[in-house]
Each structure stands twice: as C-alpha cells, then as structure tokens.
Amino acid sequence: MTESLKSLIRADQVPSAARVLANAFADAPRFKYLLPDDALRHGKLTWYWGAIIRACVESEWPVQVVGGDACSTVKAVAIWEAPKQVEHSILTLIRSGLVAAPLHLGLSAYRRKRALGRLLAELDPPHPCWYLDTIGVEPSEQKKGLGTALLSTMLQRVDKQGFPSFLDTSVPDNLGYYERFGFRVTAESILPNGTPLWGTTRPPRSCERRLQ
C-alpha cells in the first residue's frame, strides 16, 4: 500500500476528509434518519464532518487518514475516541463551528441527532474502551483495502494498550466485516423510524489469547 497513513490529520486535509465522509455516508441509514431530505443531505453532511474533524484536530483526538495523490487530499478517514477521552471544550466547539450545528443542520435534524446520541450511549459498554467514532472511504476507492488498513493499524495500537474497542453501526452488512476483526454484537437498539442500531465490542487480542 503506497498511500500514507497518518495518526493525526493535518489541518489542510480537513476539507477533503469532510467530503470523503459526506460521500461515504450520504446513503447510510442513520444519516437518512437525521437528514431525510436527499437534496440537502450531502451539503449538510459536508459541513457537519468538517466541524467534527476540526474539533478533533483541536482536541488531539486520534484521526487517521489515507492520503490521496495531492498532499491535501484524502481517500479514507477514521476518527477514534480514547478511553476516558476529555470532551471537547466550549472554546473548541466555538472554534470548530459545532456550536452552530442547530443552524446548519436545522432544528429538527439537531433534535434527531440528540435523540440518536442518547440511543447510542445506551449501547456503550460499561468499561473503558477505544471507541471508533467513524470510519469512511471515498466510494470510488472502496474495496481496495484502505478501510482495513486504517482499522488494522489502530487495533494494533489498542491491543498493545490492553483495552477493548467498540463501534456501532446501522448497516447490517457491516456486521460481518467487523466480525473479521474480532468485533461481536453486544447491544442492540432501534431508531423511531425503524432503523436498527448495533453496538459491537472487541476484546484486546492479548485477552483473547489468555482465554484460549
């Protein structure tokens, strides 16, 4: 794999990374629930992911990227939250633009986002873990191993620290993919529109070896 893997995204890559995630999740069930208007969804997601990534950059949350041909472009993105990660400060929310989410997403979408957040929190495991907030690959670059490279690289780091890892998904087909990495469904929920949600947990490999 010739593309460069980075543990922390550069500031000049943020716009490209935001577009990648907007493209990757334009038709994802949970984002159709949050933003049901097909015509507006992509633009709102581009703004949303840009604000999220800017907040992560400022708070030094681990953001992995696979770089594209140009130095500022990105092909794949993964955002992680460390165990007991300090939440974004008010200043970070202002600087990143996240404080303006109700304005940019719309009040109804923002209310659905808060409801989704409460449901996702119910899926969280009770113990400290690394949380894969999101992972997305530019659609034209999918099925080339970029997501696998991002995930495998970070899981090696997680295993060395001895923490479990956790992720949630609303796409049934994703469950089999994540099972290949050791994730197993540990919690389930459902959105008001019928969209299913699954929480999946992966013990560190060192723990798995001790149990064998």
Protein backbone atom coordinates (compact mmCIF):
# COMPACT_ATOMS: atom_id res chain seq x y z
CA MET A 1 0.00 0.00 0.00
CA THR A 2 1.65 3.22 -1.17
CA GLU A 3 -0.72 5.75 0.38
CA SER A 4 0.49 7.36 3.60
CA LEU A 5 -1.19 6.52 6.90
CA LYS A 6 -1.24 9.30 9.48
CA SER A 7 -2.32 9.12 13.11
CA LEU A 8 -3.25 12.81 13.20
CA ILE A 9 -4.80 14.55 10.22
CA ARG A 10 -3.22 17.80 9.01
CA ALA A 11 -5.31 20.97 9.01
CA ASP A 12 -5.04 21.32 5.23
CA GLN A 13 -6.61 17.86 4.80
CA VAL A 14 -9.77 18.64 6.76
CA PRO A 15 -11.92 19.86 3.81
CA SER A 16 -11.02 16.79 1.75
CA ALA A 17 -11.67 14.46 4.70
CA ALA A 18 -15.07 16.07 5.30
CA ARG A 19 -16.05 15.45 1.67
CA VAL A 20 -14.90 11.83 1.90
CA LEU A 21 -17.14 11.17 4.92
CA ALA A 22 -20.07 13.04 3.35
CA ASN A 23 -19.72 10.93 0.21
CA ALA A 24 -19.28 7.70 2.17
CA PHE A 25 -22.34 8.23 4.39
CA ALA A 26 -24.71 10.01 2.01
CA ASP A 27 -26.97 6.93 1.87
CA ALA A 28 -26.25 5.46 5.33
CA PRO A 29 -29.47 4.61 7.25
CA ARG A 30 -28.70 6.70 10.32
CA PHE A 31 -27.94 9.80 8.27
CA LYS A 32 -31.09 9.33 6.21
CA TYR A 33 -32.88 9.38 9.55
CA LEU A 34 -31.05 12.52 10.67
CA LEU A 35 -31.33 14.32 7.32
CA PRO A 36 -34.25 12.88 5.35
CA ASP A 37 -34.09 15.47 2.55
CA ASP A 38 -31.98 13.82 -0.18
CA ALA A 39 -31.27 17.13 -1.88
CA LEU A 40 -29.80 18.74 1.23
CA ARG A 41 -28.14 15.79 2.94
CA HIS A 42 -24.73 15.85 1.22
CA GLY A 43 -24.14 19.56 1.78
CA LYS A 44 -25.17 19.37 5.42
CA LEU A 45 -23.01 16.29 5.99
CA THR A 46 -20.00 18.02 4.44
CA TRP A 47 -20.39 20.90 6.87
CA TYR A 48 -21.04 18.55 9.80
CA TRP A 49 -17.99 16.35 9.22
CA GLY A 50 -15.78 19.39 8.67
CA ALA A 51 -16.83 20.77 12.06
CA ILE A 52 -16.40 17.38 13.75
CA ILE A 53 -12.90 16.91 12.33
CA ARG A 54 -11.83 20.45 13.20
CA ALA A 55 -12.92 19.81 16.80
CA CYS A 56 -10.99 16.55 16.85
CA VAL A 57 -7.86 18.24 15.49
CA GLU A 58 -8.00 20.90 18.20
CA SER A 59 -8.67 18.35 20.95
CA GLU A 60 -5.98 16.00 19.56
CA TRP A 61 -8.36 13.08 19.17
CA PRO A 62 -6.81 10.34 17.00
CA VAL A 63 -7.85 10.93 13.38
CA GLN A 64 -6.30 8.56 10.84
CA VAL A 65 -6.26 9.30 7.13
CA VAL A 66 -5.09 7.68 3.95
CA GLY A 67 -3.67 10.46 1.79
CA GLY A 68 -4.52 10.91 -1.87
CA ASP A 69 -2.37 11.90 -4.82
CA ALA A 70 -2.20 15.57 -3.78
CA CYS A 71 -0.78 16.38 -0.36
CA SER A 72 -4.03 17.91 0.90
CA THR A 73 -6.39 15.22 -0.41
CA VAL A 74 -7.70 12.23 1.49
CA LYS A 75 -9.12 8.86 0.42
CA ALA A 76 -10.17 7.40 3.78
CA VAL A 77 -10.75 8.65 7.32
CA ALA A 78 -11.13 7.07 10.77
CA ILE A 79 -11.94 9.00 13.95
CA TRP A 80 -11.28 7.42 17.34
CA GLU A 81 -12.09 8.38 20.90
CA ALA A 82 -9.62 7.23 23.54
CA PRO A 83 -10.67 5.66 26.85
CA LYS A 84 -11.78 8.40 29.24
CA GLN A 85 -11.19 10.97 26.49
CA VAL A 86 -11.74 14.54 27.65
CA GLU A 87 -14.77 16.04 25.92
CA HIS A 88 -14.39 18.98 23.57
CA SER A 89 -14.20 22.26 25.45
CA ILE A 90 -16.65 25.10 24.87
CA LEU A 91 -13.86 27.02 23.12
CA THR A 92 -13.25 24.07 20.81
CA LEU A 93 -16.96 23.85 19.99
CA ILE A 94 -16.91 27.55 19.08
CA ARG A 95 -13.71 27.42 17.03
CA SER A 96 -14.75 24.30 15.14
CA GLY A 97 -18.21 25.64 14.41
CA LEU A 98 -20.00 22.76 16.14
CA VAL A 99 -21.79 25.23 18.38
CA ALA A 100 -23.71 26.31 15.26
CA ALA A 101 -24.95 22.78 14.46
CA PRO A 102 -28.64 23.64 15.09
CA LEU A 103 -28.35 26.42 12.50
CA HIS A 104 -26.52 24.40 9.85
CA LEU A 105 -28.35 21.10 10.28
CA GLY A 106 -31.75 22.54 11.10
CA LEU A 107 -33.57 22.34 14.43
CA SER A 108 -35.48 19.15 13.60
CA ALA A 109 -32.31 17.38 12.46
CA TYR A 110 -30.46 18.61 15.54
CA ARG A 111 -33.21 17.19 17.78
CA ARG A 112 -32.96 13.85 15.98
CA LYS A 113 -29.19 13.98 16.41
CA ARG A 114 -29.56 14.40 20.17
CA ALA A 115 -32.08 11.53 20.31
CA LEU A 116 -29.65 9.37 18.31
CA GLY A 117 -26.87 10.28 20.72
CA ARG A 118 -28.92 9.09 23.68
CA LEU A 119 -29.67 5.77 21.96
CA LEU A 120 -26.02 5.27 21.04
CA ALA A 121 -24.97 5.99 24.62
CA GLU A 122 -27.18 3.11 25.76
CA LEU A 123 -25.17 0.77 23.53
CA ASP A 124 -21.82 1.73 25.08
CA PRO A 125 -20.04 -0.96 27.10
CA PRO A 126 -19.71 -0.28 30.85
CA HIS A 127 -15.91 -0.45 30.83
CA PRO A 128 -13.31 1.97 29.36
CA CYS A 129 -12.56 1.25 25.71
CA TRP A 130 -11.33 2.76 22.47
CA TYR A 131 -14.37 3.95 20.53
CA LEU A 132 -14.30 4.01 16.73
CA ASP A 133 -16.49 7.04 16.18
CA THR A 134 -16.49 6.67 12.41
CA ILE A 135 -14.59 5.18 9.50
CA GLY A 136 -15.29 6.04 5.88
CA VAL A 137 -13.70 5.56 2.46
CA GLU A 138 -14.30 7.59 -0.69
CA PRO A 139 -16.81 5.48 -2.70
CA SER A 140 -14.53 5.29 -5.76
CA GLU A 141 -11.73 3.96 -3.51
CA GLN A 142 -13.75 1.34 -1.65
CA LYS A 143 -12.88 -2.37 -1.76
CA LYS A 144 -9.18 -1.53 -2.12
CA GLY A 145 -8.19 -2.29 1.47
CA LEU A 146 -7.99 1.30 2.69
CA GLY A 147 -10.53 0.87 5.49
CA THR A 148 -8.91 -2.40 6.51
CA ALA A 149 -5.51 -0.69 6.65
CA LEU A 150 -6.84 2.09 8.87
CA LEU A 151 -8.63 -0.29 11.19
CA SER A 152 -5.80 -2.80 11.46
CA THR A 153 -3.22 -0.10 12.19
CA MET A 154 -5.21 1.35 15.07
CA LEU A 155 -6.22 -2.03 16.51
CA GLN A 156 -2.55 -2.97 16.81
CA ARG A 157 -2.07 0.11 18.98
CA VAL A 158 -5.19 -0.70 21.01
CA ASP A 159 -4.01 -4.27 21.59
CA LYS A 160 -0.68 -3.04 22.94
CA GLN A 161 -2.53 -0.90 25.48
CA GLY A 162 -4.75 -3.82 26.54
CA PHE A 163 -8.05 -2.00 26.03
CA PRO A 164 -11.15 -3.36 24.32
CA SER A 165 -12.52 -1.42 21.35
CA PHE A 166 -16.10 -0.56 20.46
CA LEU A 167 -18.05 0.65 17.45
CA ASP A 168 -21.68 0.98 16.46
CA THR A 169 -23.34 0.59 13.08
CA SER A 170 -26.75 0.83 11.47
CA VAL A 171 -25.78 -1.17 8.36
CA PRO A 172 -26.43 -4.94 8.62
CA ASP A 173 -23.79 -5.76 6.01
CA ASN A 174 -21.14 -4.08 8.17
CA LEU A 175 -21.54 -6.64 10.95
CA GLY A 176 -19.82 -9.42 9.01
CA TYR A 177 -16.99 -7.09 8.00
CA TYR A 178 -16.27 -6.04 11.57
CA GLU A 179 -16.55 -9.61 12.82
CA ARG A 180 -13.41 -10.36 10.79
CA PHE A 181 -11.54 -8.05 13.17
CA GLY A 182 -12.98 -9.63 16.30
CA PHE A 183 -15.97 -7.36 16.96
CA ARG A 184 -19.10 -9.06 18.28
CA VAL A 185 -22.59 -7.61 18.80
CA THR A 186 -23.04 -6.76 22.48
CA ALA A 187 -26.08 -4.43 22.37
CA GLU A 188 -28.94 -3.55 20.06
CA SER A 189 -31.43 -0.70 19.72
CA ILE A 190 -33.72 0.81 17.11
CA LEU A 191 -34.46 4.34 15.90
CA PRO A 192 -38.02 5.73 15.83
CA ASN A 193 -38.12 5.21 12.05
CA GLY A 194 -37.25 1.52 12.41
CA THR A 195 -33.52 1.83 11.64
CA PRO A 196 -31.62 -0.80 13.68
CA LEU A 197 -28.52 0.05 15.69
CA TRP A 198 -25.90 -2.43 16.85
CA GLY A 199 -23.12 -1.93 19.36
CA THR A 200 -20.13 -4.23 18.86
CA THR A 201 -17.18 -4.84 21.18
CA ARG A 202 -13.75 -6.35 20.53
CA PRO A 203 -11.54 -7.57 23.40
CA PRO A 204 -7.83 -6.90 23.03
CA ARG A 205 -6.04 -9.78 21.31
CA SER A 206 -3.86 -10.36 24.36
CA CYS A 207 -7.02 -11.09 26.38
CA GLU A 208 -8.32 -13.45 23.71
CA ARG A 209 -5.07 -15.43 23.78
CA ARG A 210 -5.21 -15.77 27.55
CA LEU A 211 -8.75 -17.12 27.34
CA GLN A 212 -7.84 -19.82 24.80
